[in-house]
Every structure is written in C-alpha cells, then in structure tokens.
Amino acid sequence: MNQESFNKTYSPISAFLSEYQNIESDHFSGCLVETTFSVDKYCDSFFTQLNIPFPDTLDNAVPSRRAEFLAGRGCAHFALNKLGTPVTEIPVGSNRCPIWPEGIQASITHAGNRAICAVSTTSLGLGVDYEKIITEKTAIEIKSNIVSDAEEKLLSETGLPLENWLTVAFSIKESLFKALYPKVGKYFDFLDAEITKLFPQQQKLELRILRDLSSRVPSGSTFIGRYQPHHKGILSIVEY
C-alpha cells in the first residue's frame, strides 16, 4: 500500500480521531506518531473503517479501553507504513504485548486522550511512555513507591519541583519496563531499577537494574532513558 492510498484508507474519523502527527525528537531516530481521540465519540465500527482487526482481548473491555487501543494501533499502522513496512494486523501476544513484524521494535503509550507510538528498525528493544505532570499531592503519596532515598536526593538536585522530577522518573521507568519486558518475560517493579546519573542538558539519565531479570539482563545492567516536555507532560523513551 503506497502512502497516498494509506492516507485515504486511514483518514481520520474526525469526530473521534485527530489526524496522525509526527513528533519531533532530537533523542530518537525512529518514527514517533501521535493522535488524540474522544472516548465519547467512539464506536466499535471504527475498527472496520480503519481496517484494524478487533481483538478478542477487548471483548469485555469498556469503551475507553477500546478507544485508546484503536487510537494506539492506528498510530502504529501509520508509523509502520511510513517506514515502509505496512501490515494488515498487529496481533496481541499471550502476554498482552503487541507482536511486531520481524525486524521492528515498537511501543505504544496512552494518557488521557492522547496515544503515541514509537517505531524503530535499528533498536534491539524500545519503550515509550507519556505522562501528564502529576499533582504535588499525588507525588507525595506515591514517591516512596517510585524512587529510593538515593534517587530522591539525586533528582531533587535538579531544582525542579517534586511533581516534575517524579513524573520524569515514573515515565522513564515505565519506558524501561516496556523496553525490557518483551525480552525478559518477567515483571519488575519501579524500585528494581535505579536512576544513577543525570544529564539535564541532554535530557537523559542512566538507570541500573538492581536484580537479575534474565541471563541477558543481569543485575547491574545499565540503560539510557531520554525525555522531553510534551503537551503539559513528559514523553520518555528507552532504546537499546
């Protein structure tokens, strides 16, 4: 399918879905695509109109979950087509993760009414996350579940308000999980990864894994996370 026919087939359903937009990022060489959607305008028939199969995993899902799934898959199809690897379906695996085409690493995130997909043909693993800036009250309540005392000391030295740096930490660790889980097949917690270095000018940080996740990702493995402000929130990517 060429770009012209793809755009025609996947033209936005204006009442529900906005046009797919590319996100500019100095940190990521792949394709970043986003859209916004209105849950109250969602209809199951939109899956058929967008040529996206309705998965069995959504049979008992509420409309908001179906809407965000469709928006995310729409972004993914658009990004894959842009990279020259169009597909008719992105199946859902047994672990609920998308099954991407061979040679493709990708990740989808949703927050509020926004869906984003990152796609790469050169990565071994990839995770993307978008979070609205959390409130100060929420930050105080969840801080101990997200960062250690050492991380809190390091992050507070940025001079940013608590709610800002905790949103960065939360988002980066979500991206790390998305990048690693499909490879290691093991759940791990926010406190199983520690932010050890900050590079504020480059909007990146280093994370260290604190327990063995697999033979390829033992305790002590390090990864780089990158982040940028985006629509009153934080967009983060972990790529390796």
C-alpha atoms as a PDB file:
ATOM      1  CA  MET A   1       0.000   0.000   0.000  1.00  0.00           C
ATOM      2  CA  ASN A   2       1.513   3.350  -1.008  1.00  0.00           C
ATOM      3  CA  GLN A   3       1.392   6.468   1.141  1.00  0.00           C
ATOM      4  CA  GLU A   4      -1.457   8.060  -0.815  1.00  0.00           C
ATOM      5  CA  SER A   5      -3.730   5.036  -0.566  1.00  0.00           C
ATOM      6  CA  PHE A   6      -2.754   4.535   3.080  1.00  0.00           C
ATOM      7  CA  ASN A   7      -3.731   8.098   3.951  1.00  0.00           C
ATOM      8  CA  LYS A   8      -7.030   7.611   2.170  1.00  0.00           C
ATOM      9  CA  THR A   9      -7.754   4.315   3.924  1.00  0.00           C
ATOM     10  CA  TYR A  10      -6.670   5.610   7.314  1.00  0.00           C
ATOM     11  CA  SER A  11      -8.091   9.107   7.007  1.00  0.00           C
ATOM     12  CA  PRO A  12      -9.116  10.212  10.493  1.00  0.00           C
ATOM     13  CA  ILE A  13     -12.680   9.765  11.650  1.00  0.00           C
ATOM     14  CA  SER A  14     -12.859  13.399  12.596  1.00  0.00           C
ATOM     15  CA  ALA A  15     -15.420  13.120  15.366  1.00  0.00           C
ATOM     16  CA  PHE A  16     -13.337  10.502  17.181  1.00  0.00           C
ATOM     17  CA  LEU A  17      -9.755  10.637  15.989  1.00  0.00           C
ATOM     18  CA  SER A  18      -7.483  13.531  15.067  1.00  0.00           C
ATOM     19  CA  GLU A  19      -5.004  13.339  12.208  1.00  0.00           C
ATOM     20  CA  TYR A  20      -1.840  11.384  12.895  1.00  0.00           C
ATOM     21  CA  GLN A  21       1.055  13.733  13.594  1.00  0.00           C
ATOM     22  CA  ASN A  22       4.798  13.181  13.676  1.00  0.00           C
ATOM     23  CA  ILE A  23       6.550  14.140  16.916  1.00  0.00           C
ATOM     24  CA  GLU A  24       9.914  15.817  16.500  1.00  0.00           C
ATOM     25  CA  SER A  25      12.604  14.470  18.812  1.00  0.00           C
ATOM     26  CA  ASP A  26      16.347  15.018  18.933  1.00  0.00           C
ATOM     27  CA  HIS A  27      16.650  11.856  21.025  1.00  0.00           C
ATOM     28  CA  PHE A  28      15.109   9.274  18.717  1.00  0.00           C
ATOM     29  CA  SER A  29      15.993   8.365  15.140  1.00  0.00           C
ATOM     30  CA  GLY A  30      12.923   6.211  14.539  1.00  0.00           C
ATOM     31  CA  CYS A  31       9.341   7.245  13.884  1.00  0.00           C
ATOM     32  CA  LEU A  32       7.193   8.878  16.589  1.00  0.00           C
ATOM     33  CA  VAL A  33       3.500   9.330  15.788  1.00  0.00           C
ATOM     34  CA  GLU A  34       0.637  10.631  17.906  1.00  0.00           C
ATOM     35  CA  THR A  35      -3.080  11.267  17.741  1.00  0.00           C
ATOM     36  CA  THR A  36      -5.803  12.445  20.094  1.00  0.00           C
ATOM     37  CA  PHE A  37      -9.177  10.788  20.484  1.00  0.00           C
ATOM     38  CA  SER A  38     -12.587  11.422  22.051  1.00  0.00           C
ATOM     39  CA  VAL A  39     -13.922   8.480  24.032  1.00  0.00           C
ATOM     40  CA  ASP A  40     -17.479   9.805  23.911  1.00  0.00           C
ATOM     41  CA  LYS A  41     -17.356   9.680  20.092  1.00  0.00           C
ATOM     42  CA  TYR A  42     -16.014   6.122  19.951  1.00  0.00           C
ATOM     43  CA  CYS A  43     -17.868   3.382  18.061  1.00  0.00           C
ATOM     44  CA  ASP A  44     -16.851  -0.265  17.543  1.00  0.00           C
ATOM     45  CA  SER A  45     -17.435   0.108  13.805  1.00  0.00           C
ATOM     46  CA  PHE A  46     -14.382   2.375  13.621  1.00  0.00           C
ATOM     47  CA  PHE A  47     -12.178  -0.732  13.777  1.00  0.00           C
ATOM     48  CA  THR A  48     -13.653  -1.872  10.470  1.00  0.00           C
ATOM     49  CA  GLN A  49     -13.438   1.598   8.955  1.00  0.00           C
ATOM     50  CA  LEU A  50      -9.747   1.804   9.844  1.00  0.00           C
ATOM     51  CA  ASN A  51      -9.060  -1.776   8.677  1.00  0.00           C
ATOM     52  CA  ILE A  52      -7.810  -2.729  12.139  1.00  0.00           C
ATOM     53  CA  PRO A  53      -8.973  -6.143  13.445  1.00  0.00           C
ATOM     54  CA  PHE A  54     -10.935  -6.095  16.704  1.00  0.00           C
ATOM     55  CA  PRO A  55      -9.038  -8.444  19.074  1.00  0.00           C
ATOM     56  CA  ASP A  56     -10.697 -10.989  21.353  1.00  0.00           C
ATOM     57  CA  THR A  57      -8.904  -9.387  24.302  1.00  0.00           C
ATOM     58  CA  LEU A  58     -11.259  -6.400  24.009  1.00  0.00           C
ATOM     59  CA  ASP A  59     -14.491  -8.417  24.135  1.00  0.00           C
ATOM     60  CA  ASN A  60     -15.154  -7.436  27.758  1.00  0.00           C
ATOM     61  CA  ALA A  61     -13.343  -4.099  27.689  1.00  0.00           C
ATOM     62  CA  VAL A  62     -15.045  -0.798  28.472  1.00  0.00           C
ATOM     63  CA  PRO A  63     -15.381   1.787  25.657  1.00  0.00           C
ATOM     64  CA  SER A  64     -12.487   3.896  26.952  1.00  0.00           C
ATOM     65  CA  ARG A  65     -10.111   0.926  26.700  1.00  0.00           C
ATOM     66  CA  ARG A  66     -11.366   0.069  23.209  1.00  0.00           C
ATOM     67  CA  ALA A  67     -10.946   3.691  22.153  1.00  0.00           C
ATOM     68  CA  GLU A  68      -7.358   4.009  23.388  1.00  0.00           C
ATOM     69  CA  PHE A  69      -6.447   0.638  21.879  1.00  0.00           C
ATOM     70  CA  LEU A  70      -7.775   1.691  18.476  1.00  0.00           C
ATOM     71  CA  ALA A  71      -6.028   5.065  18.650  1.00  0.00           C
ATOM     72  CA  GLY A  72      -2.726   3.425  19.567  1.00  0.00           C
ATOM     73  CA  ARG A  73      -2.994   0.779  16.864  1.00  0.00           C
ATOM     74  CA  GLY A  74      -3.873   3.480  14.348  1.00  0.00           C
ATOM     75  CA  CYS A  75      -0.661   5.325  15.231  1.00  0.00           C
ATOM     76  CA  ALA A  76       1.293   2.083  14.915  1.00  0.00           C
ATOM     77  CA  HIS A  77      -0.104   1.259  11.469  1.00  0.00           C
ATOM     78  CA  PHE A  78       0.608   4.796  10.287  1.00  0.00           C
ATOM     79  CA  ALA A  79       4.197   4.698  11.598  1.00  0.00           C
ATOM     80  CA  LEU A  80       4.894   1.251  10.137  1.00  0.00           C
ATOM     81  CA  ASN A  81       3.608   2.357   6.771  1.00  0.00           C
ATOM     82  CA  LYS A  82       5.767   5.462   6.916  1.00  0.00           C
ATOM     83  CA  LEU A  83       8.815   3.246   7.492  1.00  0.00           C
ATOM     84  CA  GLY A  84       7.863   1.092   4.524  1.00  0.00           C
ATOM     85  CA  THR A  85       6.643  -1.929   6.499  1.00  0.00           C
ATOM     86  CA  PRO A  86       2.831  -1.852   6.272  1.00  0.00           C
ATOM     87  CA  VAL A  87       0.931  -4.679   7.964  1.00  0.00           C
ATOM     88  CA  THR A  88      -2.680  -5.796   7.970  1.00  0.00           C
ATOM     89  CA  GLU A  89      -2.647  -6.760  11.648  1.00  0.00           C
ATOM     90  CA  ILE A  90      -0.604  -6.280  14.808  1.00  0.00           C
ATOM     91  CA  PRO A  91      -1.608  -9.328  16.877  1.00  0.00           C
ATOM     92  CA  VAL A  92      -1.834  -9.352  20.660  1.00  0.00           C
ATOM     93  CA  GLY A  93       0.548 -11.869  22.229  1.00  0.00           C
ATOM     94  CA  SER A  94      -0.123 -14.184  25.166  1.00  0.00           C
ATOM     95  CA  ASN A  95       1.488 -11.605  27.455  1.00  0.00           C
ATOM     96  CA  ARG A  96      -0.824  -8.877  26.068  1.00  0.00           C
ATOM     97  CA  CYS A  97       2.134  -7.268  24.273  1.00  0.00           C
ATOM     98  CA  PRO A  98       1.822  -6.400  20.564  1.00  0.00           C
ATOM     99  CA  ILE A  99       3.534  -8.811  18.178  1.00  0.00           C
ATOM    100  CA  TRP A 100       5.524  -6.584  15.849  1.00  0.00           C
ATOM    101  CA  PRO A 101       6.798  -7.519  12.377  1.00  0.00           C
ATOM    102  CA  GLU A 102      10.227  -9.120  12.180  1.00  0.00           C
ATOM    103  CA  GLY A 103      12.986  -6.534  12.387  1.00  0.00           C
ATOM    104  CA  ILE A 104      10.731  -3.975  14.067  1.00  0.00           C
ATOM    105  CA  GLN A 105      10.828  -2.722  17.640  1.00  0.00           C
ATOM    106  CA  ALA A 106       7.921  -0.562  18.724  1.00  0.00           C
ATOM    107  CA  SER A 107       5.972   0.628  21.729  1.00  0.00           C
ATOM    108  CA  ILE A 108       2.611   2.313  22.347  1.00  0.00           C
ATOM    109  CA  THR A 109       1.530   4.612  25.160  1.00  0.00           C
ATOM    110  CA  HIS A 110      -1.770   6.245  26.110  1.00  0.00           C
ATOM    111  CA  ALA A 111      -2.544   9.008  28.586  1.00  0.00           C
ATOM    112  CA  GLY A 112      -5.794  10.910  28.804  1.00  0.00           C
ATOM    113  CA  ASN A 113      -6.990  11.435  25.243  1.00  0.00           C
ATOM    114  CA  ARG A 114      -3.563  11.052  23.620  1.00  0.00           C
ATOM    115  CA  ALA A 115      -1.992   7.969  22.022  1.00  0.00           C
ATOM    116  CA  ILE A 116       1.627   7.742  20.856  1.00  0.00           C
ATOM    117  CA  CYS A 117       3.607   5.050  19.065  1.00  0.00           C
ATOM    118  CA  ALA A 118       7.379   4.811  18.639  1.00  0.00           C
ATOM    119  CA  VAL A 119       8.773   2.521  15.931  1.00  0.00           C
ATOM    120  CA  SER A 120      12.390   1.662  15.119  1.00  0.00           C
ATOM    121  CA  THR A 121      14.109  -0.602  12.613  1.00  0.00           C
ATOM    122  CA  THR A 122      17.508  -0.385  14.335  1.00  0.00           C
ATOM    123  CA  SER A 123      16.775  -0.996  18.034  1.00  0.00           C
ATOM    124  CA  LEU A 124      17.017  -4.259  19.945  1.00  0.00           C
ATOM    125  CA  GLY A 125      14.453  -3.043  22.465  1.00  0.00           C
ATOM    126  CA  LEU A 126      12.235   0.020  22.696  1.00  0.00           C
ATOM    127  CA  GLY A 127       9.829   1.511  25.210  1.00  0.00           C
ATOM    128  CA  VAL A 128       7.872   4.765  25.087  1.00  0.00           C
ATOM    129  CA  ASP A 129       5.727   6.427  27.740  1.00  0.00           C
ATOM    130  CA  TYR A 130       3.794   9.659  28.038  1.00  0.00           C
ATOM    131  CA  GLU A 131       2.550  11.028  31.349  1.00  0.00           C
ATOM    132  CA  LYS A 132       0.761  14.203  32.322  1.00  0.00           C
ATOM    133  CA  ILE A 133       2.589  16.055  35.097  1.00  0.00           C
ATOM    134  CA  ILE A 134       1.251  14.581  38.314  1.00  0.00           C
ATOM    135  CA  THR A 135      -0.040  16.789  41.104  1.00  0.00           C
ATOM    136  CA  GLU A 136       2.092  17.613  44.129  1.00  0.00           C
ATOM    137  CA  LYS A 137      -0.366  15.730  46.353  1.00  0.00           C
ATOM    138  CA  THR A 138      -0.110  12.584  44.233  1.00  0.00           C
ATOM    139  CA  ALA A 139       3.676  12.930  44.052  1.00  0.00           C
ATOM    140  CA  ILE A 140       3.934  12.956  47.841  1.00  0.00           C
ATOM    141  CA  GLU A 141       1.648   9.922  48.106  1.00  0.00           C
ATOM    142  CA  ILE A 142       3.443   7.708  45.555  1.00  0.00           C
ATOM    143  CA  LYS A 143       7.057   8.904  45.814  1.00  0.00           C
ATOM    144  CA  SER A 144       8.282   6.045  48.020  1.00  0.00           C
ATOM    145  CA  ASN A 145       6.902   3.508  45.531  1.00  0.00           C
ATOM    146  CA  ILE A 146       8.717   5.078  42.577  1.00  0.00           C
ATOM    147  CA  VAL A 147      12.161   6.186  43.788  1.00  0.00           C
ATOM    148  CA  SER A 148      14.606   5.287  46.543  1.00  0.00           C
ATOM    149  CA  ASP A 149      16.023   7.794  49.022  1.00  0.00           C
ATOM    150  CA  ALA A 150      19.208   7.975  46.947  1.00  0.00           C
ATOM    151  CA  GLU A 151      17.232   8.684  43.778  1.00  0.00           C
ATOM    152  CA  GLU A 152      15.177  11.341  45.536  1.00  0.00           C
ATOM    153  CA  LYS A 153      18.349  13.122  46.628  1.00  0.00           C
ATOM    154  CA  LEU A 154      19.794  12.955  43.112  1.00  0.00           C
ATOM    155  CA  LEU A 155      16.619  14.107  41.359  1.00  0.00           C
ATOM    156  CA  SER A 156      15.877  16.901  43.816  1.00  0.00           C
ATOM    157  CA  GLU A 157      19.246  18.433  42.949  1.00  0.00           C
ATOM    158  CA  THR A 158      17.812  19.344  39.534  1.00  0.00           C
ATOM    159  CA  GLY A 159      15.942  22.195  41.209  1.00  0.00           C
ATOM    160  CA  LEU A 160      12.685  21.065  39.612  1.00  0.00           C
ATOM    161  CA  PRO A 161       9.517  20.797  41.706  1.00  0.00           C
ATOM    162  CA  LEU A 162       8.830  17.366  43.178  1.00  0.00           C
ATOM    163  CA  GLU A 163       5.900  16.711  40.848  1.00  0.00           C
ATOM    164  CA  ASN A 164       8.047  17.405  37.771  1.00  0.00           C
ATOM    165  CA  TRP A 165      11.052  15.244  38.552  1.00  0.00           C
ATOM    166  CA  LEU A 166       8.885  12.433  39.895  1.00  0.00           C
ATOM    167  CA  THR A 167       6.876  12.446  36.657  1.00  0.00           C
ATOM    168  CA  VAL A 168      10.154  12.103  34.744  1.00  0.00           C
ATOM    169  CA  ALA A 169      11.245   9.202  36.964  1.00  0.00           C
ATOM    170  CA  PHE A 170       7.852   7.488  36.703  1.00  0.00           C
ATOM    171  CA  SER A 171       7.726   7.841  32.924  1.00  0.00           C
ATOM    172  CA  ILE A 172      11.325   6.736  32.338  1.00  0.00           C
ATOM    173  CA  LYS A 173      10.827   3.624  34.451  1.00  0.00           C
ATOM    174  CA  GLU A 174       7.604   2.827  32.584  1.00  0.00           C
ATOM    175  CA  SER A 175       9.526   3.104  29.305  1.00  0.00           C
ATOM    176  CA  LEU A 176      12.261   0.857  30.696  1.00  0.00           C
ATOM    177  CA  PHE A 177       9.700  -1.795  31.618  1.00  0.00           C
ATOM    178  CA  LYS A 178       8.138  -1.654  28.149  1.00  0.00           C
ATOM    179  CA  ALA A 179      11.561  -1.972  26.524  1.00  0.00           C
ATOM    180  CA  LEU A 180      12.648  -4.947  28.636  1.00  0.00           C
ATOM    181  CA  TYR A 181       9.538  -6.969  29.443  1.00  0.00           C
ATOM    182  CA  PRO A 182       9.051  -8.442  25.935  1.00  0.00           C
ATOM    183  CA  LYS A 183      12.656  -9.683  26.115  1.00  0.00           C
ATOM    184  CA  VAL A 184      12.899 -10.917  29.704  1.00  0.00           C
ATOM    185  CA  GLY A 185       9.283 -12.052  30.177  1.00  0.00           C
ATOM    186  CA  LYS A 186       9.411 -11.045  33.810  1.00  0.00           C
ATOM    187  CA  TYR A 187       7.614  -8.325  35.723  1.00  0.00           C
ATOM    188  CA  PHE A 188       9.737  -5.959  37.760  1.00  0.00           C
ATOM    189  CA  ASP A 189       8.922  -3.016  39.973  1.00  0.00           C
ATOM    190  CA  PHE A 190       9.822   0.673  39.886  1.00  0.00           C
ATOM    191  CA  LEU A 191      12.325   0.103  42.692  1.00  0.00           C
ATOM    192  CA  ASP A 192      14.034  -2.716  40.782  1.00  0.00           C
ATOM    193  CA  ALA A 193      15.639  -0.047  38.592  1.00  0.00           C
ATOM    194  CA  GLU A 194      17.598   2.874  39.999  1.00  0.00           C
ATOM    195  CA  ILE A 195      18.381   6.217  38.389  1.00  0.00           C
ATOM    196  CA  THR A 196      22.121   6.632  38.928  1.00  0.00           C
ATOM    197  CA  LYS A 197      23.167   9.529  36.694  1.00  0.00           C
ATOM    198  CA  LEU A 198      21.504  12.673  35.375  1.00  0.00           C
ATOM    199  CA  PHE A 199      22.348  14.658  32.256  1.00  0.00           C
ATOM    200  CA  PRO A 200      19.823  17.524  32.415  1.00  0.00           C
ATOM    201  CA  GLN A 201      21.234  19.462  29.475  1.00  0.00           C
ATOM    202  CA  GLN A 202      20.826  16.416  27.227  1.00  0.00           C
ATOM    203  CA  GLN A 203      17.504  15.460  28.849  1.00  0.00           C
ATOM    204  CA  LYS A 204      18.718  11.958  29.566  1.00  0.00           C
ATOM    205  CA  LEU A 205      19.555   9.772  32.543  1.00  0.00           C
ATOM    206  CA  GLU A 206      21.112   6.415  33.330  1.00  0.00           C
ATOM    207  CA  LEU A 207      19.248   3.570  35.001  1.00  0.00           C
ATOM    208  CA  ARG A 208      20.737   0.475  36.629  1.00  0.00           C
ATOM    209  CA  ILE A 209      18.864  -2.806  37.068  1.00  0.00           C
ATOM    210  CA  LEU A 210      19.037  -3.993  40.683  1.00  0.00           C
ATOM    211  CA  ARG A 211      18.097  -7.662  40.258  1.00  0.00           C
ATOM    212  CA  ASP A 212      18.608 -10.390  37.684  1.00  0.00           C
ATOM    213  CA  LEU A 213      15.886 -10.241  35.039  1.00  0.00           C
ATOM    214  CA  SER A 214      17.401 -12.751  32.614  1.00  0.00           C
ATOM    215  CA  SER A 215      20.774 -14.067  31.513  1.00  0.00           C
ATOM    216  CA  ARG A 216      20.988 -11.127  29.112  1.00  0.00           C
ATOM    217  CA  VAL A 217      19.812  -8.553  31.648  1.00  0.00           C
ATOM    218  CA  PRO A 218      21.558  -9.386  34.922  1.00  0.00           C
ATOM    219  CA  SER A 219      21.665  -7.183  37.984  1.00  0.00           C
ATOM    220  CA  GLY A 220      23.894  -4.194  37.274  1.00  0.00           C
ATOM    221  CA  SER A 221      22.833  -3.779  33.638  1.00  0.00           C
ATOM    222  CA  THR A 222      22.539  -0.119  32.667  1.00  0.00           C
ATOM    223  CA  PHE A 223      20.278   1.662  30.202  1.00  0.00           C
ATOM    224  CA  ILE A 224      19.851   5.228  28.993  1.00  0.00           C
ATOM    225  CA  GLY A 225      16.481   6.935  29.177  1.00  0.00           C
ATOM    226  CA  ARG A 226      15.642  10.148  27.350  1.00  0.00           C
ATOM    227  CA  TYR A 227      12.788  12.542  27.963  1.00  0.00           C
ATOM    228  CA  GLN A 228      11.267  15.775  26.720  1.00  0.00           C
ATOM    229  CA  PRO A 229       8.354  18.028  27.677  1.00  0.00           C
ATOM    230  CA  HIS A 230       5.281  17.282  25.588  1.00  0.00           C
ATOM    231  CA  HIS A 231       1.761  18.744  25.825  1.00  0.00           C
ATOM    232  CA  LYS A 232       1.950  19.624  29.531  1.00  0.00           C
ATOM    233  CA  GLY A 233       3.512  16.276  30.298  1.00  0.00           C
ATOM    234  CA  ILE A 234       6.634  14.165  29.837  1.00  0.00           C
ATOM    235  CA  LEU A 235       7.410  11.944  26.863  1.00  0.00           C
ATOM    236  CA  SER A 236      10.155   9.401  27.534  1.00  0.00           C
ATOM    237  CA  ILE A 237      11.954   6.744  25.514  1.00  0.00           C
ATOM    238  CA  VAL A 238      14.282   3.913  26.469  1.00  0.00           C
ATOM    239  CA  GLU A 239      16.048   2.369  23.493  1.00  0.00           C
ATOM    240  CA  TYR A 240      18.905  -0.099  23.334  1.00  0.00           C
END
